[in-house]
Amino acid sequence: MNISVELTLTPLQDDFEQPIINFIKKLRVSGLTVLENPLSTQVYGPYDQVMSLLQSEVKNAFEAIDNGLLHIKIVKTDRSNYEPDF
């Protein structure tokens, strides 16, 4: 089963850029499809692979910041090829 995950990491501290950059770089080298925009990062792939990656990398990201939050949306399908038709 493939899934699509949208992530928004928000460190609640002044020096917020580097933890976000490190988090995204770890996602990029995973071998999964990773797309980015100014507001979020999307990860696409098999459920077990995506969730395993998130389990380890969310922990690493949280250990690198003092305070923060992570918004996660999960869709039960691979939406990486979505293009609006309007």
C-alpha atoms as a PDB file:
ATOM      1  CA  MET A   1       0.000   0.000   0.000  1.00  0.00           C
ATOM      2  CA  ASN A   2       1.373   3.394  -0.986  1.00  0.00           C
ATOM      3  CA  ILE A   3       0.789   6.578   0.973  1.00  0.00           C
ATOM      4  CA  SER A   4       1.315  10.307   0.617  1.00  0.00           C
ATOM      5  CA  VAL A   5       2.462  12.286   3.641  1.00  0.00           C
ATOM      6  CA  GLU A   6       2.561  16.056   4.009  1.00  0.00           C
ATOM      7  CA  LEU A   7       4.885  17.380   6.731  1.00  0.00           C
ATOM      8  CA  THR A   8       5.318  20.838   8.195  1.00  0.00           C
ATOM      9  CA  LEU A   9       8.061  21.048  10.830  1.00  0.00           C
ATOM     10  CA  THR A  10       7.876  24.220  12.926  1.00  0.00           C
ATOM     11  CA  PRO A  11      10.618  24.735  15.494  1.00  0.00           C
ATOM     12  CA  LEU A  12       9.406  27.247  18.082  1.00  0.00           C
ATOM     13  CA  GLN A  13      12.723  28.970  18.598  1.00  0.00           C
ATOM     14  CA  ASP A  14      14.848  31.714  17.049  1.00  0.00           C
ATOM     15  CA  ASP A  15      17.399  29.497  15.297  1.00  0.00           C
ATOM     16  CA  PHE A  16      14.874  27.492  13.318  1.00  0.00           C
ATOM     17  CA  GLU A  17      16.345  27.240   9.815  1.00  0.00           C
ATOM     18  CA  GLN A  18      19.085  24.641  10.264  1.00  0.00           C
ATOM     19  CA  PRO A  19      16.893  21.999  11.976  1.00  0.00           C
ATOM     20  CA  ILE A  20      14.382  22.272   9.097  1.00  0.00           C
ATOM     21  CA  ILE A  21      17.135  22.044   6.476  1.00  0.00           C
ATOM     22  CA  ASN A  22      18.654  18.985   8.180  1.00  0.00           C
ATOM     23  CA  PHE A  23      15.236  17.279   8.392  1.00  0.00           C
ATOM     24  CA  ILE A  24      14.525  17.840   4.696  1.00  0.00           C
ATOM     25  CA  LYS A  25      18.006  16.673   3.640  1.00  0.00           C
ATOM     26  CA  LYS A  26      17.493  13.386   5.530  1.00  0.00           C
ATOM     27  CA  LEU A  27      14.172  12.874   3.747  1.00  0.00           C
ATOM     28  CA  ARG A  28      15.748  13.607   0.349  1.00  0.00           C
ATOM     29  CA  VAL A  29      18.380  10.848   0.647  1.00  0.00           C
ATOM     30  CA  SER A  30      15.816   8.212   1.642  1.00  0.00           C
ATOM     31  CA  GLY A  31      15.214   7.004  -1.913  1.00  0.00           C
ATOM     32  CA  LEU A  32      11.515   7.866  -1.617  1.00  0.00           C
ATOM     33  CA  THR A  33       9.793  10.529  -3.705  1.00  0.00           C
ATOM     34  CA  VAL A  34      10.140  13.827  -1.840  1.00  0.00           C
ATOM     35  CA  LEU A  35       8.610  17.075  -3.098  1.00  0.00           C
ATOM     36  CA  GLU A  36       8.927  20.444  -1.405  1.00  0.00           C
ATOM     37  CA  ASN A  37       7.192  23.784  -1.467  1.00  0.00           C
ATOM     38  CA  PRO A  38       7.576  26.860   0.753  1.00  0.00           C
ATOM     39  CA  LEU A  39       5.003  25.604   3.275  1.00  0.00           C
ATOM     40  CA  SER A  40       5.535  21.850   3.503  1.00  0.00           C
ATOM     41  CA  THR A  41       7.364  18.741   2.350  1.00  0.00           C
ATOM     42  CA  GLN A  42       5.624  15.733   0.836  1.00  0.00           C
ATOM     43  CA  VAL A  43       6.908  12.157   0.994  1.00  0.00           C
ATOM     44  CA  TYR A  44       5.454   9.406  -1.205  1.00  0.00           C
ATOM     45  CA  GLY A  45       6.002   5.668  -1.158  1.00  0.00           C
ATOM     46  CA  PRO A  46       5.186   2.335   0.444  1.00  0.00           C
ATOM     47  CA  TYR A  47       3.580   2.673   3.875  1.00  0.00           C
ATOM     48  CA  ASP A  48       6.196   0.700   5.810  1.00  0.00           C
ATOM     49  CA  GLN A  49       9.130   2.554   4.249  1.00  0.00           C
ATOM     50  CA  VAL A  50       7.623   6.015   4.742  1.00  0.00           C
ATOM     51  CA  MET A  51       6.565   5.357   8.328  1.00  0.00           C
ATOM     52  CA  SER A  52       9.935   3.815   9.222  1.00  0.00           C
ATOM     53  CA  LEU A  53      11.706   6.861   7.808  1.00  0.00           C
ATOM     54  CA  LEU A  54       9.413   9.229   9.685  1.00  0.00           C
ATOM     55  CA  GLN A  55       9.821   7.351  12.951  1.00  0.00           C
ATOM     56  CA  SER A  56      13.576   7.833  12.939  1.00  0.00           C
ATOM     57  CA  GLU A  57      13.817  11.272  11.335  1.00  0.00           C
ATOM     58  CA  VAL A  58      11.073  12.914  13.385  1.00  0.00           C
ATOM     59  CA  LYS A  59      12.856  11.714  16.503  1.00  0.00           C
ATOM     60  CA  ASN A  60      16.153  13.130  15.229  1.00  0.00           C
ATOM     61  CA  ALA A  61      14.503  16.443  14.338  1.00  0.00           C
ATOM     62  CA  PHE A  62      12.842  16.738  17.741  1.00  0.00           C
ATOM     63  CA  GLU A  63      16.137  15.972  19.486  1.00  0.00           C
ATOM     64  CA  ALA A  64      17.756  18.830  17.528  1.00  0.00           C
ATOM     65  CA  ILE A  65      15.283  21.495  18.682  1.00  0.00           C
ATOM     66  CA  ASP A  66      14.226  22.810  22.078  1.00  0.00           C
ATOM     67  CA  ASN A  67      10.545  23.299  21.232  1.00  0.00           C
ATOM     68  CA  GLY A  68       8.559  22.615  18.115  1.00  0.00           C
ATOM     69  CA  LEU A  69       5.624  21.012  16.426  1.00  0.00           C
ATOM     70  CA  LEU A  70       5.070  18.836  13.407  1.00  0.00           C
ATOM     71  CA  HIS A  71       1.892  18.795  11.332  1.00  0.00           C
ATOM     72  CA  ILE A  72       1.378  15.509   9.499  1.00  0.00           C
ATOM     73  CA  LYS A  73      -1.282  14.621   6.938  1.00  0.00           C
ATOM     74  CA  ILE A  74      -1.422  11.072   5.596  1.00  0.00           C
ATOM     75  CA  VAL A  75      -3.402   9.991   2.524  1.00  0.00           C
ATOM     76  CA  LYS A  76      -3.875   6.325   1.642  1.00  0.00           C
ATOM     77  CA  THR A  77      -2.715   6.601  -1.958  1.00  0.00           C
ATOM     78  CA  ASP A  78       0.284   7.873  -3.887  1.00  0.00           C
ATOM     79  CA  ARG A  79      -0.653  11.398  -4.997  1.00  0.00           C
ATOM     80  CA  SER A  80       2.818  12.322  -6.296  1.00  0.00           C
ATOM     81  CA  ASN A  81       1.544  12.622  -9.877  1.00  0.00           C
ATOM     82  CA  TYR A  82      -1.443  14.810  -9.009  1.00  0.00           C
ATOM     83  CA  GLU A  83      -2.096  17.677 -11.387  1.00  0.00           C
ATOM     84  CA  PRO A  84      -5.153  19.895 -11.062  1.00  0.00           C
ATOM     85  CA  ASP A  85      -7.524  19.740 -14.011  1.00  0.00           C
ATOM     86  CA  PHE A  86      -9.128  23.128 -13.570  1.00  0.00           C
END
